[in-house]
Amino acid sequence: MGAFGDYRRLLRAGVALARHDVILPAEYQSRLPLPARIAGGTLRLFTGGARGRPGQRLARALEGLGPAYIKLGQFLATRPDVFGSEVTSDLDRLKDKLPPFSMKAARNALTTEFGADEAARLFPGLSEPVAAASLAQVHRMDLPDGARAVKILRPKIEQQLSLELSAMKRAARTIEGVSSQSRRLKPVAFTETIANAMMRETDLRLEAGGADEMRALSEKNGYFEIPKVDWERTGRRVLTIDWVDGIPMTDPKALDQPGIDRKKLANEITRGFLTNAIEHGVFHADMHEGNLILTPEGRIALVDFGIIGRIGMTERRFLAEILWGFLKRDYVRVAEVHFEAGYVPSSQSVGDFAQALRTIGEPIHGKPAEEVSMGRVLLQLFDYTHTFGMSLRPELVLLQKTMVQVEGVARAIDPSHNIWNASEPVVEGWIRRSFGPQGAAKLVADNLREVTNRLKRLPEVMDRFEVFMEHEIAETPPQPRKPFAPWWGWFGLVAVLAGLAVWAFK
């Protein structure tokens, strides 16, 4: 029954995609073999004259299929290496708006989450919906100590997502099973990443945790304003935060306020994102204009923390050294970082890859800021994924996609914004602290702490080893006595202790 339901939902999705001329589109006819061209021409007999670019048609098709597919489109927008920059740009503007659900359903959700009496006490004067998206809608609530934004999940959205994601996973397994070329792009792993991220978004406690973490970071570096979480009024299906007064950056008039320093604002957006990503390994991974609000004080407030990106020390070093290498035109070092991080197979040539990177970096030097694009550099890096057999990891692609988003927002604020110059003080400071004397001292301290922790566990390991040996002896039937060389027993004991010492100091 599960497989039948999956294929039925996939058939419905396929019909919608065909109707919008997304499957084997006319724009790609010249690149397709003859059978595919014939199939595409046949499908177009039923499209009804779909208009727009392929990415625009795909966005409309996904929007019509419902919340799971809208979210899928947003994630597909992170893969310019697969779909090209034009298609992903169209998907990045995918409208995530649906009709709101009723106030009765909203009140029922509050009652289910908190109980009738508590819901009435905690949520008096809840307004009509002020915004409705694919997974949830937002209400305003005025309280004596300030206004709140109350986000409530759509009824039964978890079940709907689960069914649609099951079909998507089945499609990914089928594609990877029949197409060896697709395996380099890891459709199954990518779909699992999408599914996990979507299901996490249905637990608003996790979003609250992300918002609170980002607020703590912003209090340290001062780049963004982050609304405070109202924990008393937050649960699995309800999130309540302080209301943010201001104008969304989607409003063309947002920057027309007097006293706005466009250059400073653009630099703060770039540096705020890079500081969070490089210094702390965590970043808001959906920084489009709809999630940025310009406050009356002329500062940027971030909202909607459903997607939080996280990168480890390897990826942080990768990002910092790539930016620094391009800034200093050290393409050999940029190439070496790719190999050290495991993104390029060791069978490839460092020199050849450095040569390819030079063709990306050199054209941007000496050009006006308006022509120096981080997005262009990253997209050209994507172009080399096939040539050099690069393996792309989802968290790195999400980081790169967000960087392109950040640059787009900063350029919309200040057309002369140069993301390379804006990033230089952040990257230089991190590299100096990480690889200079301060970084070396921290590395030594970290290693000593790790050795100490392992030595603390050594008695426990020895106890477990002793219990294991006693168990083995008890389970082993008596054997005829054999001549025993005393030196062999001592040799075995020394070998075991030496192995444990190596493990402890590894």
Foldseek 3Di string as FASTA:
>chain_A
DLVVLLVVLVVVLVLLCLLQQLQLRPVCLVVDDPVSNVVSVVSVVNNPPHDDDSLLSLLVSQVVSALLSLLVLCLVLLCCLPVNPVNSVSSLPRDFADDDDDPVVVLVQLCVFPNDVVSCVPAPPWADFPGGGRFWTWTWGADPVAIKIKIFGDPPVLVVNVSNLSSQLVVQVVCVVPDVVCVLVPSNVSSVVSSVLVNLLQFCVVLLVQLVVLCVVCVVVVLAHGWHWPVVSHGRGMTMTGDADAAQQVDPCRLVDPPADLQVQLLSLLLVQLCCCQVPQKGQLSPASRQWGQHPVRHTYGDDRSDMFGDDNLLSVLVLQLLVCLVVVVLLSNLVSCVVSPQFDPVDDSVVNSVQLSVLRPVQPPDQQLPRALLSSVSSVSVCCVVRVTRDDSSNSSVSSSSNNSNVSSCVSPVRDRSSVSCVVSSVVSCCCCVPPNNVVVVVVVLVVQLVVLVVCLVVVVVVVVVVVVVVVVPDDDDPDDDDDVVVVVVVVVVVVVVSNVVSND
